[in-house]
Amino acid sequence: MKCRRCGGKISEDDCYQYSDETLCEDCYLDLRYPVKACDPWAVYSATRLRKSQGLKGADGLTELQKAIHEFVKSKGKATREEIKRDLGLSESEMQTQLAVPRHCELVKGRKENDRVYLVPFTIGASSSSS
């Protein structure tokens, strides 16, 4: 049997039903519990955990999360579209992977005129829109 969303192989014991679709666990969780970049509880948890483990900067991030963080740092500011294009990410993958650096207070959103940019967390701390 195959997952209706990602096409991955799943056994009958490991499948989930959602809106008449047979899904793998990952796709089911993505639909039912999407990751949110602006989640105060996630920020609280991530920053406390990182502090307790002595993690600084990009320590503890996946390679893709580090790439997003480095991209934003190197440009000073970047749109979601720039990051998706330059790193070859889908919207879903972008949303999921960007949430962790945001929860870790490494990247934040900042509105300039009619655009929202992702910037390093330390830049323009008083004008944060996240």
Foldseek 3Di string as FASTA:
>chain_A
DAFPPPRHDDDPVQWDDDPNTTHGPVVVCCVPPNQALPDVVLLVVLQVVCVVVVHDDCPPADPLLVVLLVVQAVVQKAALVVSCVVVVHDPSVSRVSPSNCSSNQQWFWADDDHGIIIGGNVPPVVRTPD
